[in-house]
């Protein structure tokens, strides 16, 4: 009797992960749930949204360049004063 229970438990322990793996890797399941959910969370880019993002990146790049130029100007003034 004990051997039969152990065999049943081993079958259950092995069959559950294999079954879940098989179910989750079905193409229909993947398309229906995963891809649709991803499109809900991350909708395709809109031209206006993309343009705003590009403008924001350009502003940030300019701001960073200005900060670097200020920093370099201050460093060059400090070196001139030391000499």
C-alpha atoms as a PDB file:
ATOM      1  CA  UNK A   1       0.000   0.000   0.000  1.00  0.00           C
ATOM      2  CA  UNK A   2       2.805   2.454   0.855  1.00  0.00           C
ATOM      3  CA  UNK A   3       4.541   1.888  -2.482  1.00  0.00           C
ATOM      4  CA  UNK A   4       1.355   2.699  -4.412  1.00  0.00           C
ATOM      5  CA  UNK A   5       0.912   5.978  -2.538  1.00  0.00           C
ATOM      6  CA  UNK A   6       4.531   6.929  -3.206  1.00  0.00           C
ATOM      7  CA  UNK A   7       4.109   6.143  -6.902  1.00  0.00           C
ATOM      8  CA  UNK A   8       0.926   8.256  -7.011  1.00  0.00           C
ATOM      9  CA  UNK A   9       2.676  11.165  -5.268  1.00  0.00           C
ATOM     10  CA  UNK A  10       5.646  10.945  -7.637  1.00  0.00           C
ATOM     11  CA  UNK A  11       3.295  10.916 -10.652  1.00  0.00           C
ATOM     12  CA  UNK A  12       1.471  13.951  -9.252  1.00  0.00           C
ATOM     13  CA  UNK A  13       4.701  15.822  -8.515  1.00  0.00           C
ATOM     14  CA  UNK A  14       5.998  15.193 -12.033  1.00  0.00           C
ATOM     15  CA  UNK A  15       2.768  15.620 -13.976  1.00  0.00           C
ATOM     16  CA  UNK A  16       1.765  19.004 -12.536  1.00  0.00           C
ATOM     17  CA  UNK A  17       4.802  21.009 -13.736  1.00  0.00           C
ATOM     18  CA  UNK A  18       4.871  19.197 -17.081  1.00  0.00           C
ATOM     19  CA  UNK A  19       1.163  19.886 -17.633  1.00  0.00           C
ATOM     20  CA  UNK A  20       1.512  23.544 -16.687  1.00  0.00           C
ATOM     21  CA  UNK A  21       4.492  23.901 -19.011  1.00  0.00           C
ATOM     22  CA  UNK A  22       2.565  22.274 -21.863  1.00  0.00           C
ATOM     23  CA  UNK A  23      -0.534  24.451 -21.319  1.00  0.00           C
ATOM     24  CA  UNK A  24       1.399  27.705 -21.048  1.00  0.00           C
ATOM     25  CA  UNK A  25       3.364  27.018 -24.234  1.00  0.00           C
ATOM     26  CA  UNK A  26       0.335  26.551 -26.457  1.00  0.00           C
ATOM     27  CA  UNK A  27       0.390  29.069 -29.309  1.00  0.00           C
ATOM     28  CA  UNK A  28      -3.305  29.918 -28.963  1.00  0.00           C
ATOM     29  CA  UNK A  29      -2.899  30.663 -25.286  1.00  0.00           C
ATOM     30  CA  UNK A  30       0.152  32.779 -25.930  1.00  0.00           C
ATOM     31  CA  UNK A  31      -1.529  34.813 -28.665  1.00  0.00           C
ATOM     32  CA  UNK A  32      -4.811  35.196 -26.847  1.00  0.00           C
ATOM     33  CA  UNK A  33      -3.591  36.219 -23.419  1.00  0.00           C
ATOM     34  CA  UNK A  34       0.034  37.280 -23.452  1.00  0.00           C
ATOM     35  CA  UNK A  35       0.214  39.275 -26.690  1.00  0.00           C
ATOM     36  CA  UNK A  36      -3.129  41.010 -26.133  1.00  0.00           C
ATOM     37  CA  UNK A  37      -2.156  41.907 -22.582  1.00  0.00           C
ATOM     38  CA  UNK A  38       1.183  43.268 -23.753  1.00  0.00           C
ATOM     39  CA  UNK A  39      -0.570  45.446 -26.328  1.00  0.00           C
ATOM     40  CA  UNK A  40      -2.871  46.786 -23.616  1.00  0.00           C
ATOM     41  CA  UNK A  41       0.033  47.680 -21.351  1.00  0.00           C
ATOM     42  CA  UNK A  42       2.361  48.951 -24.103  1.00  0.00           C
ATOM     43  CA  UNK A  43       0.182  50.272 -26.941  1.00  0.00           C
ATOM     44  CA  UNK A  44       1.772  50.746 -30.360  1.00  0.00           C
ATOM     45  CA  UNK A  45       3.569  54.058 -30.742  1.00  0.00           C
ATOM     46  CA  UNK A  46       1.535  56.963 -31.937  1.00  0.00           C
ATOM     47  CA  UNK A  47       3.258  59.540 -34.112  1.00  0.00           C
ATOM     48  CA  UNK A  48       2.378  62.397 -31.770  1.00  0.00           C
ATOM     49  CA  UNK A  49       3.610  60.502 -28.728  1.00  0.00           C
ATOM     50  CA  UNK A  50       6.852  59.581 -30.493  1.00  0.00           C
ATOM     51  CA  UNK A  51       7.384  63.199 -31.558  1.00  0.00           C
ATOM     52  CA  UNK A  52       6.891  64.450 -27.997  1.00  0.00           C
ATOM     53  CA  UNK A  53       9.362  61.876 -26.751  1.00  0.00           C
ATOM     54  CA  UNK A  54      11.956  62.901 -29.340  1.00  0.00           C
ATOM     55  CA  UNK A  55      11.511  66.577 -28.431  1.00  0.00           C
ATOM     56  CA  UNK A  56      11.932  65.752 -24.741  1.00  0.00           C
ATOM     57  CA  UNK A  57      15.121  63.803 -25.417  1.00  0.00           C
ATOM     58  CA  UNK A  58      16.493  66.699 -27.484  1.00  0.00           C
ATOM     59  CA  UNK A  59      15.742  69.206 -24.678  1.00  0.00           C
ATOM     60  CA  UNK A  60      17.431  66.972 -22.117  1.00  0.00           C
ATOM     61  CA  UNK A  61      20.479  66.554 -24.366  1.00  0.00           C
ATOM     62  CA  UNK A  62      20.787  70.332 -24.813  1.00  0.00           C
ATOM     63  CA  UNK A  63      20.404  70.910 -21.067  1.00  0.00           C
ATOM     64  CA  UNK A  64      23.105  68.359 -20.327  1.00  0.00           C
ATOM     65  CA  UNK A  65      25.439  69.940 -22.891  1.00  0.00           C
ATOM     66  CA  UNK A  66      24.903  73.368 -21.328  1.00  0.00           C
ATOM     67  CA  UNK A  67      25.723  72.017 -17.878  1.00  0.00           C
ATOM     68  CA  UNK A  68      28.890  70.419 -19.208  1.00  0.00           C
ATOM     69  CA  UNK A  69      29.924  73.647 -20.934  1.00  0.00           C
ATOM     70  CA  UNK A  70      29.337  75.616 -17.716  1.00  0.00           C
ATOM     71  CA  UNK A  71      31.355  73.081 -15.741  1.00  0.00           C
ATOM     72  CA  UNK A  72      34.196  73.205 -18.263  1.00  0.00           C
ATOM     73  CA  UNK A  73      34.102  77.008 -18.216  1.00  0.00           C
ATOM     74  CA  UNK A  74      34.308  77.051 -14.413  1.00  0.00           C
ATOM     75  CA  UNK A  75      37.167  74.544 -14.428  1.00  0.00           C
ATOM     76  CA  UNK A  76      39.090  76.559 -16.998  1.00  0.00           C
ATOM     77  CA  UNK A  77      38.582  79.758 -14.922  1.00  0.00           C
ATOM     78  CA  UNK A  78      39.880  77.942 -11.829  1.00  0.00           C
ATOM     79  CA  UNK A  79      43.009  76.764 -13.646  1.00  0.00           C
ATOM     80  CA  UNK A  80      43.645  80.285 -15.005  1.00  0.00           C
ATOM     81  CA  UNK A  81      43.303  81.789 -11.494  1.00  0.00           C
ATOM     82  CA  UNK A  82      45.727  79.231 -10.040  1.00  0.00           C
ATOM     83  CA  UNK A  83      48.409  80.120 -12.566  1.00  0.00           C
END
